[in-house]
Amino acid sequence: MIDWVVSRALPSGILSEQLHPTKREPVGASPLTWSYATLLLAITEYFDKRDQLENVAAE
């Protein structure tokens, strides 16, 4: 999911509010703060879970 989001950012790295359903082009407000916040939350949760799994495997 993270790769999918990053691959749809504009060349400048800006994330738009929405993507056109068939053209996959940015639609709506750009940049949009909640888009970045949601991406950062997903990344943070990913690393937290990875760390938990590594700790369990090390035990």
PDB file of N, CA and C in Angstrom:
ATOM      1  N   MET A   1       0.823  -1.189   0.000  1.00  0.00           N
ATOM      2  CA  MET A   1       0.000   0.000   0.000  1.00  0.00           C
ATOM      3  C   MET A   1       0.867   1.251   0.000  1.00  0.00           C
ATOM      4  N   ILE A   2       1.940   1.198   0.753  1.00  0.00           N
ATOM      5  CA  ILE A   2       2.830   2.363   0.810  1.00  0.00           C
ATOM      6  C   ILE A   2       3.442   2.611  -0.560  1.00  0.00           C
ATOM      7  N   ASP A   3       3.920   1.570  -1.212  1.00  0.00           N
ATOM      8  CA  ASP A   3       4.483   1.725  -2.559  1.00  0.00           C
ATOM      9  C   ASP A   3       3.447   2.272  -3.526  1.00  0.00           C
ATOM     10  N   TRP A   4       2.199   1.813  -3.395  1.00  0.00           N
ATOM     11  CA  TRP A   4       1.121   2.263  -4.274  1.00  0.00           C
ATOM     12  C   TRP A   4       0.913   3.768  -4.122  1.00  0.00           C
ATOM     13  N   VAL A   5       0.863   4.237  -2.890  1.00  0.00           N
ATOM     14  CA  VAL A   5       0.655   5.670  -2.638  1.00  0.00           C
ATOM     15  C   VAL A   5       1.826   6.478  -3.190  1.00  0.00           C
ATOM     16  N   VAL A   6       3.033   6.048  -2.866  1.00  0.00           N
ATOM     17  CA  VAL A   6       4.215   6.784  -3.304  1.00  0.00           C
ATOM     18  C   VAL A   6       4.293   6.834  -4.833  1.00  0.00           C
ATOM     19  N   SER A   7       3.918   5.754  -5.494  1.00  0.00           N
ATOM     20  CA  SER A   7       3.992   5.716  -6.956  1.00  0.00           C
ATOM     21  C   SER A   7       2.974   6.641  -7.616  1.00  0.00           C
ATOM     22  N   ARG A   8       1.979   7.077  -6.867  1.00  0.00           N
ATOM     23  CA  ARG A   8       0.963   7.961  -7.425  1.00  0.00           C
ATOM     24  C   ARG A   8       1.133   9.422  -7.011  1.00  0.00           C
ATOM     25  N   ALA A   9       2.217   9.710  -6.329  1.00  0.00           N
ATOM     26  CA  ALA A   9       2.523  11.099  -5.993  1.00  0.00           C
ATOM     27  C   ALA A   9       2.979  11.822  -7.257  1.00  0.00           C
ATOM     28  N   LEU A  10       2.794  13.121  -7.258  1.00  0.00           N
ATOM     29  CA  LEU A  10       3.304  13.926  -8.367  1.00  0.00           C
ATOM     30  C   LEU A  10       4.828  13.890  -8.359  1.00  0.00           C
ATOM     31  N   PRO A  11       5.482  14.228  -9.472  1.00  0.00           N
ATOM     32  CA  PRO A  11       6.956  14.206  -9.499  1.00  0.00           C
ATOM     33  C   PRO A  11       7.591  15.017  -8.367  1.00  0.00           C
ATOM     34  N   SER A  12       6.897  16.022  -7.897  1.00  0.00           N
ATOM     35  CA  SER A  12       7.404  16.839  -6.794  1.00  0.00           C
ATOM     36  C   SER A  12       7.240  16.151  -5.438  1.00  0.00           C
ATOM     37  N   GLY A  13       6.506  15.026  -5.408  1.00  0.00           N
ATOM     38  CA  GLY A  13       6.241  14.321  -4.160  1.00  0.00           C
ATOM     39  C   GLY A  13       4.913  14.686  -3.533  1.00  0.00           C
ATOM     40  N   ILE A  14       4.210  15.616  -4.131  1.00  0.00           N
ATOM     41  CA  ILE A  14       2.926  16.063  -3.592  1.00  0.00           C
ATOM     42  C   ILE A  14       1.861  14.990  -3.789  1.00  0.00           C
ATOM     43  N   LEU A  15       1.059  14.781  -2.743  1.00  0.00           N
ATOM     44  CA  LEU A  15      -0.067  13.856  -2.810  1.00  0.00           C
ATOM     45  C   LEU A  15      -1.343  14.654  -2.998  1.00  0.00           C
ATOM     46  N   SER A  16      -2.205  14.184  -3.875  1.00  0.00           N
ATOM     47  CA  SER A  16      -3.478  14.865  -4.090  1.00  0.00           C
ATOM     48  C   SER A  16      -4.554  14.276  -3.174  1.00  0.00           C
ATOM     49  N   GLU A  17      -5.683  14.953  -3.155  1.00  0.00           N
ATOM     50  CA  GLU A  17      -6.807  14.495  -2.338  1.00  0.00           C
ATOM     51  C   GLU A  17      -7.381  13.192  -2.878  1.00  0.00           C
ATOM     52  N   GLN A  18      -7.488  13.092  -4.189  1.00  0.00           N
ATOM     53  CA  GLN A  18      -8.098  11.924  -4.830  1.00  0.00           C
ATOM     54  C   GLN A  18      -7.370  11.620  -6.124  1.00  0.00           C
ATOM     55  N   LEU A  19      -7.643  10.426  -6.667  1.00  0.00           N
ATOM     56  CA  LEU A  19      -7.175  10.055  -7.993  1.00  0.00           C
ATOM     57  C   LEU A  19      -8.381   9.788  -8.877  1.00  0.00           C
ATOM     58  N   HIS A  20      -8.267  10.160 -10.148  1.00  0.00           N
ATOM     59  CA  HIS A  20      -9.325   9.847 -11.100  1.00  0.00           C
ATOM     60  C   HIS A  20      -9.435   8.326 -11.183  1.00  0.00           C
ATOM     61  N   PRO A  21     -10.651   7.767 -11.148  1.00  0.00           N
ATOM     62  CA  PRO A  21     -10.800   6.307 -11.061  1.00  0.00           C
ATOM     63  C   PRO A  21     -10.250   5.514 -12.245  1.00  0.00           C
ATOM     64  N   THR A  22     -10.221   6.094 -13.427  1.00  0.00           N
ATOM     65  CA  THR A  22      -9.708   5.342 -14.570  1.00  0.00           C
ATOM     66  C   THR A  22      -8.383   5.885 -15.085  1.00  0.00           C
ATOM     67  N   LYS A  23      -8.180   7.180 -15.008  1.00  0.00           N
ATOM     68  CA  LYS A  23      -6.933   7.782 -15.506  1.00  0.00           C
ATOM     69  C   LYS A  23      -5.813   7.740 -14.485  1.00  0.00           C
ATOM     70  N   ARG A  24      -6.159   7.538 -13.202  1.00  0.00           N
ATOM     71  CA  ARG A  24      -5.175   7.514 -12.110  1.00  0.00           C
ATOM     72  C   ARG A  24      -4.390   8.821 -12.031  1.00  0.00           C
ATOM     73  N   GLU A  25      -5.027   9.915 -12.432  1.00  0.00           N
ATOM     74  CA  GLU A  25      -4.418  11.239 -12.350  1.00  0.00           C
ATOM     75  C   GLU A  25      -4.940  11.958 -11.118  1.00  0.00           C
ATOM     76  N   PRO A  26      -4.128  12.859 -10.540  1.00  0.00           N
ATOM     77  CA  PRO A  26      -4.575  13.601  -9.362  1.00  0.00           C
ATOM     78  C   PRO A  26      -5.832  14.428  -9.642  1.00  0.00           C
ATOM     79  N   VAL A  27      -6.752  14.403  -8.687  1.00  0.00           N
ATOM     80  CA  VAL A  27      -7.987  15.173  -8.745  1.00  0.00           C
ATOM     81  C   VAL A  27      -8.180  15.809  -7.374  1.00  0.00           C
ATOM     82  N   GLY A  28      -8.676  17.010  -7.341  1.00  0.00           N
ATOM     83  CA  GLY A  28      -8.955  17.646  -6.056  1.00  0.00           C
ATOM     84  C   GLY A  28      -7.771  18.431  -5.541  1.00  0.00           C
ATOM     85  N   ALA A  29      -7.833  18.748  -4.279  1.00  0.00           N
ATOM     86  CA  ALA A  29      -6.828  19.597  -3.647  1.00  0.00           C
ATOM     87  C   ALA A  29      -5.460  18.927  -3.613  1.00  0.00           C
ATOM     88  N   SER A  30      -4.439  19.709  -3.896  1.00  0.00           N
ATOM     89  CA  SER A  30      -3.053  19.244  -3.806  1.00  0.00           C
ATOM     90  C   SER A  30      -2.206  20.410  -3.315  1.00  0.00           C
ATOM     91  N   PRO A  31      -1.409  20.290  -2.336  1.00  0.00           N
ATOM     92  CA  PRO A  31      -1.268  19.141  -1.446  1.00  0.00           C
ATOM     93  C   PRO A  31      -2.382  19.117  -0.408  1.00  0.00           C
ATOM     94  N   LEU A  32      -2.608  17.969   0.142  1.00  0.00           N
ATOM     95  CA  LEU A  32      -3.633  17.828   1.165  1.00  0.00           C
ATOM     96  C   LEU A  32      -2.998  17.193   2.401  1.00  0.00           C
ATOM     97  N   THR A  33      -3.063  17.897   3.515  1.00  0.00           N
ATOM     98  CA  THR A  33      -2.358  17.492   4.732  1.00  0.00           C
ATOM     99  C   THR A  33      -2.753  16.100   5.200  1.00  0.00           C
ATOM    100  N   TRP A  34      -4.054  15.747   5.145  1.00  0.00           N
ATOM    101  CA  TRP A  34      -4.442  14.437   5.676  1.00  0.00           C
ATOM    102  C   TRP A  34      -3.870  13.301   4.841  1.00  0.00           C
ATOM    103  N   SER A  35      -3.591  13.552   3.557  1.00  0.00           N
ATOM    104  CA  SER A  35      -2.962  12.515   2.735  1.00  0.00           C
ATOM    105  C   SER A  35      -1.587  12.162   3.292  1.00  0.00           C
ATOM    106  N   TYR A  36      -0.826  13.179   3.659  1.00  0.00           N
ATOM    107  CA  TYR A  36       0.501  12.948   4.233  1.00  0.00           C
ATOM    108  C   TYR A  36       0.393  12.314   5.614  1.00  0.00           C
ATOM    109  N   ALA A  37      -0.543  12.803   6.407  1.00  0.00           N
ATOM    110  CA  ALA A  37      -0.716  12.267   7.759  1.00  0.00           C
ATOM    111  C   ALA A  37      -1.067  10.786   7.714  1.00  0.00           C
ATOM    112  N   THR A  38      -1.942  10.408   6.811  1.00  0.00           N
ATOM    113  CA  THR A  38      -2.346   9.010   6.687  1.00  0.00           C
ATOM    114  C   THR A  38      -1.185   8.145   6.211  1.00  0.00           C
ATOM    115  N   LEU A  39      -0.403   8.646   5.276  1.00  0.00           N
ATOM    116  CA  LEU A  39       0.769   7.904   4.814  1.00  0.00           C
ATOM    117  C   LEU A  39       1.767   7.723   5.950  1.00  0.00           C
ATOM    118  N   LEU A  40       2.032   8.778   6.700  1.00  0.00           N
ATOM    119  CA  LEU A  40       2.966   8.675   7.814  1.00  0.00           C
ATOM    120  C   LEU A  40       2.457   7.728   8.895  1.00  0.00           C
ATOM    121  N   LEU A  41       1.165   7.743   9.151  1.00  0.00           N
ATOM    122  CA  LEU A  41       0.580   6.818  10.120  1.00  0.00           C
ATOM    123  C   LEU A  41       0.771   5.375   9.657  1.00  0.00           C
ATOM    124  N   ALA A  42       0.529   5.110   8.396  1.00  0.00           N
ATOM    125  CA  ALA A  42       0.702   3.755   7.860  1.00  0.00           C
ATOM    126  C   ALA A  42       2.153   3.305   7.969  1.00  0.00           C
ATOM    127  N   ILE A  43       3.090   4.192   7.663  1.00  0.00           N
ATOM    128  CA  ILE A  43       4.511   3.852   7.754  1.00  0.00           C
ATOM    129  C   ILE A  43       4.899   3.573   9.200  1.00  0.00           C
ATOM    130  N   THR A  44       4.437   4.415  10.110  1.00  0.00           N
ATOM    131  CA  THR A  44       4.730   4.237  11.529  1.00  0.00           C
ATOM    132  C   THR A  44       4.183   2.908  12.042  1.00  0.00           C
ATOM    133  N   GLU A  45       2.943   2.585  11.681  1.00  0.00           N
ATOM    134  CA  GLU A  45       2.346   1.321  12.106  1.00  0.00           C
ATOM    135  C   GLU A  45       3.083   0.126  11.513  1.00  0.00           C
ATOM    136  N   TYR A  46       3.534   0.262  10.278  1.00  0.00           N
ATOM    137  CA  TYR A  46       4.296  -0.805   9.632  1.00  0.00           C
ATOM    138  C   TYR A  46       5.579  -1.092  10.414  1.00  0.00           C
ATOM    139  N   PHE A  47       6.343  -0.047  10.728  1.00  0.00           N
ATOM    140  CA  PHE A  47       7.594  -0.240  11.458  1.00  0.00           C
ATOM    141  C   PHE A  47       7.363  -0.736  12.878  1.00  0.00           C
ATOM    142  N   ASP A  48       6.321  -0.267  13.532  1.00  0.00           N
ATOM    143  CA  ASP A  48       5.996  -0.763  14.871  1.00  0.00           C
ATOM    144  C   ASP A  48       5.714  -2.269  14.840  1.00  0.00           C
ATOM    145  N   LYS A  49       4.920  -2.688  13.866  1.00  0.00           N
ATOM    146  CA  LYS A  49       4.581  -4.112  13.754  1.00  0.00           C
ATOM    147  C   LYS A  49       5.811  -4.931  13.391  1.00  0.00           C
ATOM    148  N   ARG A  50       6.634  -4.417  12.497  1.00  0.00           N
ATOM    149  CA  ARG A  50       7.864  -5.113  12.130  1.00  0.00           C
ATOM    150  C   ARG A  50       8.753  -5.308  13.351  1.00  0.00           C
ATOM    151  N   ASP A  51       8.888  -4.257  14.162  1.00  0.00           N
ATOM    152  CA  ASP A  51       9.700  -4.354  15.381  1.00  0.00           C
ATOM    153  C   ASP A  51       9.127  -5.371  16.351  1.00  0.00           C
ATOM    154  N   GLN A  52       7.804  -5.406  16.506  1.00  0.00           N
ATOM    155  CA  GLN A  52       7.169  -6.391  17.385  1.00  0.00           C
ATOM    156  C   GLN A  52       7.471  -7.807  16.922  1.00  0.00           C
ATOM    157  N   LEU A  53       7.355  -8.047  15.633  1.00  0.00           N
ATOM    158  CA  LEU A  53       7.604  -9.380  15.081  1.00  0.00           C
ATOM    159  C   LEU A  53       9.071  -9.786  15.228  1.00  0.00           C
ATOM    160  N   GLU A  54       9.976  -8.824  15.064  1.00  0.00           N
ATOM    161  CA  GLU A  54      11.398  -9.123  15.225  1.00  0.00           C
ATOM    162  C   GLU A  54      11.715  -9.470  16.680  1.00  0.00           C
ATOM    163  N   ASN A  55      11.069  -8.780  17.613  1.00  0.00           N
ATOM    164  CA  ASN A  55      11.280  -9.063  19.024  1.00  0.00           C
ATOM    165  C   ASN A  55      10.756 -10.440  19.404  1.00  0.00           C
ATOM    166  N   VAL A  56       9.615 -10.838  18.857  1.00  0.00           N
ATOM    167  CA  VAL A  56       9.058 -12.167  19.123  1.00  0.00           C
ATOM    168  C   VAL A  56       9.970 -13.244  18.543  1.00  0.00           C
ATOM    169  N   ALA A  57      10.481 -13.001  17.348  1.00  0.00           N
ATOM    170  CA  ALA A  57      11.341 -13.986  16.707  1.00  0.00           C
ATOM    171  C   ALA A  57      12.674 -14.130  17.451  1.00  0.00           C
ATOM    172  N   ALA A  58      13.130 -13.064  18.105  1.00  0.00           N
ATOM    173  CA  ALA A  58      14.397 -13.099  18.826  1.00  0.00           C
ATOM    174  C   ALA A  58      14.285 -13.822  20.167  1.00  0.00           C
ATOM    175  N   GLU A  59      13.086 -13.995  20.669  1.00  0.00           N
ATOM    176  CA  GLU A  59      12.894 -14.630  21.977  1.00  0.00           C
ATOM    177  C   GLU A  59      13.025 -16.123  21.918  1.00  0.00           C
TER     178      GLU A  59
END
